[in-house]
């Protein structure tokens, strides 16, 4: 019987069942496939409540995104308005302003939530 996960024991049991179901060659829209889909939702919900992940530091988010895109830090000077500003932002001497956050979001695709976090 499917139910919302309320404690660690139920969580462990759900993980075991998910593993069992994933070992099968499931047919889409079968009862087992539907059970797996529901269990995964319950597990994700429990994990989000029990093990929340804080958003990254804005500077870390920027540097990570640049690395993902294969871009150099120097690319930031074009986005932030100059080499000095880039240096001040990366060193923490200057905070991102709203215009910078908008440009970083639009240009690099970094979620605004990550850029507005305190640092």
C-alpha atoms as a PDB file:
ATOM      1  CA  UNK A   1       0.000   0.000   0.000  1.00  0.00           C
ATOM      2  CA  UNK A   2       1.354   3.407  -0.951  1.00  0.00           C
ATOM      3  CA  UNK A   3       1.513   6.141   1.658  1.00  0.00           C
ATOM      4  CA  UNK A   4       3.452   9.280   2.489  1.00  0.00           C
ATOM      5  CA  UNK A   5       6.792   8.556   4.171  1.00  0.00           C
ATOM      6  CA  UNK A   6       6.795   9.824   7.751  1.00  0.00           C
ATOM      7  CA  UNK A   7       9.933   8.379   9.346  1.00  0.00           C
ATOM      8  CA  UNK A   8      13.318   6.864   8.609  1.00  0.00           C
ATOM      9  CA  UNK A   9      12.071   3.273   8.811  1.00  0.00           C
ATOM     10  CA  UNK A  10       9.404   3.948   6.174  1.00  0.00           C
ATOM     11  CA  UNK A  11      12.001   5.774   4.091  1.00  0.00           C
ATOM     12  CA  UNK A  12      14.361   2.779   4.160  1.00  0.00           C
ATOM     13  CA  UNK A  13      11.496   0.434   3.258  1.00  0.00           C
ATOM     14  CA  UNK A  14      10.520   2.671   0.358  1.00  0.00           C
ATOM     15  CA  UNK A  15      14.110   2.733  -0.913  1.00  0.00           C
ATOM     16  CA  UNK A  16      14.245  -1.054  -0.785  1.00  0.00           C
ATOM     17  CA  UNK A  17      11.005  -1.306  -2.762  1.00  0.00           C
ATOM     18  CA  UNK A  18      12.240   1.246  -5.305  1.00  0.00           C
ATOM     19  CA  UNK A  19      15.376  -0.840  -5.771  1.00  0.00           C
ATOM     20  CA  UNK A  20      13.311  -4.016  -6.228  1.00  0.00           C
ATOM     21  CA  UNK A  21      11.090  -2.361  -8.812  1.00  0.00           C
ATOM     22  CA  UNK A  22      14.051  -0.906 -10.682  1.00  0.00           C
ATOM     23  CA  UNK A  23      15.482  -4.413 -11.130  1.00  0.00           C
ATOM     24  CA  UNK A  24      12.393  -5.435 -13.101  1.00  0.00           C
ATOM     25  CA  UNK A  25      11.776  -4.871 -16.779  1.00  0.00           C
ATOM     26  CA  UNK A  26       8.730  -2.699 -16.175  1.00  0.00           C
ATOM     27  CA  UNK A  27       6.081  -2.027 -18.775  1.00  0.00           C
ATOM     28  CA  UNK A  28       4.955   1.579 -18.963  1.00  0.00           C
ATOM     29  CA  UNK A  29       1.578   2.250 -17.289  1.00  0.00           C
ATOM     30  CA  UNK A  30       1.666  -1.104 -15.494  1.00  0.00           C
ATOM     31  CA  UNK A  31       0.730  -1.246 -11.799  1.00  0.00           C
ATOM     32  CA  UNK A  32       4.409  -1.780 -10.898  1.00  0.00           C
ATOM     33  CA  UNK A  33       5.503   1.166 -13.043  1.00  0.00           C
ATOM     34  CA  UNK A  34       2.881   3.374 -11.407  1.00  0.00           C
ATOM     35  CA  UNK A  35       3.997   2.155  -7.970  1.00  0.00           C
ATOM     36  CA  UNK A  36       7.611   3.060  -8.785  1.00  0.00           C
ATOM     37  CA  UNK A  37       6.601   6.540  -9.964  1.00  0.00           C
ATOM     38  CA  UNK A  38       4.618   7.168  -6.782  1.00  0.00           C
ATOM     39  CA  UNK A  39       7.340   5.809  -4.500  1.00  0.00           C
ATOM     40  CA  UNK A  40       9.953   8.013  -6.136  1.00  0.00           C
ATOM     41  CA  UNK A  41       7.754  11.058  -5.484  1.00  0.00           C
ATOM     42  CA  UNK A  42       7.328  10.071  -1.843  1.00  0.00           C
ATOM     43  CA  UNK A  43      11.071   9.475  -1.436  1.00  0.00           C
ATOM     44  CA  UNK A  44      11.939  12.814  -3.055  1.00  0.00           C
ATOM     45  CA  UNK A  45       9.449  14.621  -0.810  1.00  0.00           C
ATOM     46  CA  UNK A  46      10.863  12.980   2.336  1.00  0.00           C
ATOM     47  CA  UNK A  47      14.456  13.733   1.312  1.00  0.00           C
ATOM     48  CA  UNK A  48      13.635  17.370   0.547  1.00  0.00           C
ATOM     49  CA  UNK A  49      12.159  17.768   4.032  1.00  0.00           C
ATOM     50  CA  UNK A  50      14.784  15.783   5.937  1.00  0.00           C
ATOM     51  CA  UNK A  51      17.902  16.747   3.987  1.00  0.00           C
ATOM     52  CA  UNK A  52      17.354  20.227   2.529  1.00  0.00           C
ATOM     53  CA  UNK A  53      20.101  21.591   0.313  1.00  0.00           C
ATOM     54  CA  UNK A  54      20.918  25.259   0.772  1.00  0.00           C
ATOM     55  CA  UNK A  55      21.461  27.338  -2.356  1.00  0.00           C
ATOM     56  CA  UNK A  56      25.112  27.848  -3.245  1.00  0.00           C
ATOM     57  CA  UNK A  57      27.065  30.970  -2.443  1.00  0.00           C
ATOM     58  CA  UNK A  58      26.484  33.380  -5.387  1.00  0.00           C
ATOM     59  CA  UNK A  59      30.195  33.570  -6.204  1.00  0.00           C
ATOM     60  CA  UNK A  60      30.478  29.770  -6.171  1.00  0.00           C
ATOM     61  CA  UNK A  61      27.420  29.560  -8.430  1.00  0.00           C
ATOM     62  CA  UNK A  62      28.967  31.999 -10.901  1.00  0.00           C
ATOM     63  CA  UNK A  63      32.326  30.214 -10.965  1.00  0.00           C
ATOM     64  CA  UNK A  64      30.671  26.801 -11.295  1.00  0.00           C
ATOM     65  CA  UNK A  65      28.524  27.985 -14.206  1.00  0.00           C
ATOM     66  CA  UNK A  66      31.513  29.502 -15.982  1.00  0.00           C
ATOM     67  CA  UNK A  67      33.351  26.190 -15.605  1.00  0.00           C
ATOM     68  CA  UNK A  68      30.321  24.264 -16.898  1.00  0.00           C
ATOM     69  CA  UNK A  69      30.193  26.498 -19.966  1.00  0.00           C
ATOM     70  CA  UNK A  70      33.954  26.296 -20.547  1.00  0.00           C
ATOM     71  CA  UNK A  71      34.346  30.057 -20.130  1.00  0.00           C
ATOM     72  CA  UNK A  72      37.142  31.989 -18.456  1.00  0.00           C
ATOM     73  CA  UNK A  73      36.654  34.339 -15.495  1.00  0.00           C
ATOM     74  CA  UNK A  74      37.520  37.177 -17.854  1.00  0.00           C
ATOM     75  CA  UNK A  75      34.095  36.696 -19.480  1.00  0.00           C
ATOM     76  CA  UNK A  76      32.614  38.197 -16.322  1.00  0.00           C
ATOM     77  CA  UNK A  77      34.110  41.601 -17.020  1.00  0.00           C
ATOM     78  CA  UNK A  78      31.837  41.887 -20.072  1.00  0.00           C
ATOM     79  CA  UNK A  79      28.788  40.943 -18.007  1.00  0.00           C
ATOM     80  CA  UNK A  80      29.586  42.883 -14.831  1.00  0.00           C
ATOM     81  CA  UNK A  81      30.911  46.050 -16.453  1.00  0.00           C
ATOM     82  CA  UNK A  82      34.675  45.942 -16.329  1.00  0.00           C
ATOM     83  CA  UNK A  83      37.706  44.105 -15.045  1.00  0.00           C
ATOM     84  CA  UNK A  84      37.828  46.029 -11.734  1.00  0.00           C
ATOM     85  CA  UNK A  85      34.207  45.241 -10.978  1.00  0.00           C
ATOM     86  CA  UNK A  86      34.780  41.573 -11.819  1.00  0.00           C
ATOM     87  CA  UNK A  87      37.720  41.455  -9.413  1.00  0.00           C
ATOM     88  CA  UNK A  88      35.773  43.195  -6.636  1.00  0.00           C
ATOM     89  CA  UNK A  89      32.817  40.828  -7.022  1.00  0.00           C
ATOM     90  CA  UNK A  90      34.937  37.663  -7.053  1.00  0.00           C
ATOM     91  CA  UNK A  91      36.979  38.797  -4.048  1.00  0.00           C
ATOM     92  CA  UNK A  92      33.844  39.674  -2.065  1.00  0.00           C
ATOM     93  CA  UNK A  93      34.719  43.362  -1.791  1.00  0.00           C
ATOM     94  CA  UNK A  94      31.603  44.318  -3.742  1.00  0.00           C
ATOM     95  CA  UNK A  95      28.158  42.725  -3.663  1.00  0.00           C
ATOM     96  CA  UNK A  96      26.096  41.957  -6.730  1.00  0.00           C
ATOM     97  CA  UNK A  97      23.478  44.586  -7.485  1.00  0.00           C
ATOM     98  CA  UNK A  98      20.103  43.941  -9.110  1.00  0.00           C
ATOM     99  CA  UNK A  99      21.301  44.874 -12.600  1.00  0.00           C
ATOM    100  CA  UNK A 100      24.275  42.496 -12.306  1.00  0.00           C
ATOM    101  CA  UNK A 101      22.015  39.708 -11.065  1.00  0.00           C
ATOM    102  CA  UNK A 102      19.703  40.211 -14.038  1.00  0.00           C
ATOM    103  CA  UNK A 103      22.621  40.165 -16.507  1.00  0.00           C
ATOM    104  CA  UNK A 104      24.168  37.052 -14.940  1.00  0.00           C
ATOM    105  CA  UNK A 105      20.806  35.310 -15.008  1.00  0.00           C
ATOM    106  CA  UNK A 106      20.156  36.257 -18.648  1.00  0.00           C
ATOM    107  CA  UNK A 107      23.683  35.607 -19.921  1.00  0.00           C
ATOM    108  CA  UNK A 108      24.766  32.561 -17.926  1.00  0.00           C
ATOM    109  CA  UNK A 109      21.382  31.102 -17.003  1.00  0.00           C
ATOM    110  CA  UNK A 110      22.126  31.090 -13.282  1.00  0.00           C
ATOM    111  CA  UNK A 111      18.897  30.938 -11.243  1.00  0.00           C
ATOM    112  CA  UNK A 112      18.176  34.298  -9.615  1.00  0.00           C
ATOM    113  CA  UNK A 113      17.597  32.493  -6.298  1.00  0.00           C
ATOM    114  CA  UNK A 114      21.243  31.462  -6.289  1.00  0.00           C
ATOM    115  CA  UNK A 115      22.444  34.962  -7.061  1.00  0.00           C
ATOM    116  CA  UNK A 116      20.429  36.747  -4.367  1.00  0.00           C
ATOM    117  CA  UNK A 117      21.560  34.528  -1.498  1.00  0.00           C
ATOM    118  CA  UNK A 118      23.488  36.217   1.301  1.00  0.00           C
ATOM    119  CA  UNK A 119      27.268  35.861   1.173  1.00  0.00           C
END
